[in-house]
Amino acid sequence: MRWRFDPLSLAWAVALFLVLLMLATVGARWGWLRSFFGDVLAVVWVYFVFKTAIGARVLPLALALAALGVGLAVELGQYLAATWHLHIPNRALRMVLGSTADWWDVLAYTIGFAGVLAIEGLRGGFLRAARPRASAP
């Protein structure tokens, strides 16, 4: 694994972050759209955050699995917190991480993972690592 900077992935990550921020604040009354679609987009956002900094030789499939793993780890944390009766006192952190474990969230994360694979599949390369671009002389 090599570190690199991908400005296009950063642009996508920032755009998705703004959409997620809008869903979390303005979309508070939007019900399932805020919660379910927000969880779908969260996995896609984590994927683009990873893709911004992690080297071109890493398979996009591995990055997508890592993004799904982050979502599942958050969900496991919510489950364990509820089981052990733990409470996150910070309201903003509770809004970002969530407070209740739900199987619908796991489904949303899986749909986000499938969306990432579809995006990379349309680009023609989720099973092969991207080739580094040659710099201009």
Protein backbone atom coordinates (compact mmCIF):
# COMPACT_ATOMS: atom_id res chain seq x y z
CA MET A 1 0.00 0.00 0.00
CA ARG A 2 1.28 3.41 -0.95
CA TRP A 3 0.07 6.83 0.08
CA ARG A 4 -0.95 9.24 -2.63
CA PHE A 5 -3.27 12.18 -3.17
CA ASP A 6 -6.20 11.91 -5.58
CA PRO A 7 -7.86 15.33 -6.04
CA LEU A 8 -10.90 13.91 -7.86
CA SER A 9 -11.65 11.54 -4.99
CA LEU A 10 -11.23 14.43 -2.56
CA ALA A 11 -13.76 16.47 -4.56
CA TRP A 12 -16.25 13.59 -4.40
CA ALA A 13 -15.60 13.14 -0.67
CA VAL A 14 -16.22 16.84 0.01
CA ALA A 15 -19.38 16.87 -2.13
CA LEU A 16 -20.76 13.78 -0.39
CA PHE A 17 -19.86 15.24 3.01
CA LEU A 18 -21.89 18.35 2.20
CA VAL A 19 -24.85 16.19 1.16
CA LEU A 20 -24.55 14.17 4.39
CA LEU A 21 -24.32 17.38 6.40
CA MET A 22 -27.45 18.68 4.69
CA LEU A 23 -29.27 15.41 5.40
CA ALA A 24 -28.24 15.52 9.07
CA THR A 25 -29.36 19.12 9.61
CA VAL A 26 -31.94 20.32 7.11
CA GLY A 27 -33.25 16.81 6.44
CA ALA A 28 -34.06 16.08 10.08
CA ARG A 29 -37.76 15.90 9.18
CA TRP A 30 -37.27 13.71 6.11
CA GLY A 31 -37.66 10.42 7.96
CA TRP A 32 -36.38 7.36 6.12
CA LEU A 33 -34.63 9.47 3.45
CA ARG A 34 -32.40 11.01 6.09
CA SER A 35 -31.65 7.83 7.95
CA PHE A 36 -31.54 5.13 5.28
CA PHE A 37 -30.16 7.14 2.35
CA GLY A 38 -27.73 8.86 4.70
CA ASP A 39 -26.34 5.47 5.74
CA VAL A 40 -26.02 4.41 2.08
CA LEU A 41 -24.11 7.60 1.30
CA ALA A 42 -21.95 7.26 4.42
CA VAL A 43 -20.28 4.11 3.08
CA VAL A 44 -19.73 5.76 -0.32
CA TRP A 45 -18.26 8.80 1.46
CA VAL A 46 -15.86 6.66 3.53
CA TYR A 47 -14.78 4.90 0.31
CA PHE A 48 -13.90 8.21 -1.35
CA VAL A 49 -12.09 9.41 1.79
CA PHE A 50 -9.97 6.25 1.67
CA LYS A 51 -9.47 6.58 -2.08
CA THR A 52 -8.24 10.16 -1.61
CA ALA A 53 -5.15 9.01 0.28
CA ILE A 54 -4.54 5.30 -0.29
CA GLY A 55 -2.27 4.25 -3.13
CA ALA A 56 -3.31 3.39 -6.64
CA ARG A 57 -2.08 -0.19 -6.36
CA VAL A 58 -4.79 -1.05 -3.83
CA LEU A 59 -7.80 -2.72 -5.41
CA PRO A 60 -10.96 -0.61 -5.28
CA LEU A 61 -12.70 -3.78 -4.05
CA ALA A 62 -10.44 -3.77 -0.97
CA LEU A 63 -11.20 -0.10 -0.31
CA ALA A 64 -14.93 -0.75 -0.70
CA LEU A 65 -14.72 -3.65 1.77
CA ALA A 66 -12.83 -1.42 4.20
CA ALA A 67 -15.55 1.26 3.89
CA LEU A 68 -18.23 -1.36 4.53
CA GLY A 69 -16.20 -2.55 7.52
CA VAL A 70 -16.23 0.96 8.98
CA GLY A 71 -20.02 1.09 8.70
CA LEU A 72 -20.40 -2.34 10.26
CA ALA A 73 -17.99 -1.41 13.07
CA VAL A 74 -20.09 1.66 13.86
CA GLU A 75 -23.21 -0.51 13.94
CA LEU A 76 -21.49 -3.04 16.22
CA GLY A 77 -20.48 -0.18 18.49
CA GLN A 78 -24.09 0.99 18.66
CA TYR A 79 -25.22 -2.53 19.56
CA LEU A 80 -22.57 -2.92 22.26
CA ALA A 81 -23.34 0.52 23.69
CA ALA A 82 -27.03 -0.39 23.96
CA THR A 83 -26.20 -3.79 25.47
CA TRP A 84 -23.91 -2.29 28.09
CA HIS A 85 -26.19 0.74 28.64
CA LEU A 86 -23.57 3.25 27.54
CA HIS A 87 -24.61 6.71 26.38
CA ILE A 88 -22.64 9.17 24.24
CA PRO A 89 -23.06 12.52 26.02
CA ASN A 90 -21.98 14.69 23.05
CA ARG A 91 -25.04 15.43 20.88
CA ALA A 92 -23.07 16.04 17.67
CA LEU A 93 -21.09 12.82 18.06
CA ARG A 94 -24.30 10.93 18.83
CA MET A 95 -25.82 12.33 15.62
CA VAL A 96 -22.80 11.29 13.54
CA LEU A 97 -22.35 7.81 15.03
CA GLY A 98 -25.99 7.11 15.75
CA SER A 99 -27.39 5.74 18.94
CA THR A 100 -29.40 2.64 18.08
CA ALA A 101 -28.34 -0.48 16.22
CA ASP A 102 -30.68 -1.49 13.42
CA TRP A 103 -30.60 -4.19 10.76
CA TRP A 104 -31.90 -1.64 8.26
CA ASP A 105 -28.65 0.27 8.76
CA VAL A 106 -26.68 -2.87 7.89
CA LEU A 107 -28.77 -3.19 4.72
CA ALA A 108 -28.12 0.47 3.90
CA TYR A 109 -24.36 -0.01 4.37
CA THR A 110 -24.48 -3.06 2.10
CA ILE A 111 -26.35 -1.09 -0.56
CA GLY A 112 -23.70 1.64 -0.29
CA PHE A 113 -21.01 -1.02 -0.75
CA ALA A 114 -22.85 -2.36 -3.83
CA GLY A 115 -23.13 1.22 -5.11
CA VAL A 116 -19.39 1.69 -4.84
CA LEU A 117 -18.82 -1.56 -6.75
CA ALA A 118 -21.29 -0.40 -9.41
CA ILE A 119 -19.52 2.97 -9.75
CA GLU A 120 -16.14 1.29 -10.07
CA GLY A 121 -17.57 -1.35 -12.39
CA LEU A 122 -18.92 1.35 -14.70
CA ARG A 123 -15.49 2.96 -14.65
CA GLY A 124 -14.12 -0.42 -15.67
CA GLY A 125 -11.96 -1.44 -12.81
CA PHE A 126 -13.10 -2.71 -9.46
CA LEU A 127 -11.20 -5.97 -9.89
CA ARG A 128 -7.92 -4.44 -10.96
CA ALA A 129 -5.81 -1.76 -9.34
CA ALA A 130 -5.69 1.60 -11.02
CA ARG A 131 -2.49 2.32 -12.87
CA PRO A 132 -0.59 5.36 -11.69
CA ARG A 133 -0.67 8.17 -14.20
CA ALA A 134 2.61 9.32 -15.63
CA SER A 135 3.47 12.91 -14.81
CA ALA A 136 4.22 15.40 -17.52
CA PRO A 137 7.94 15.99 -18.18
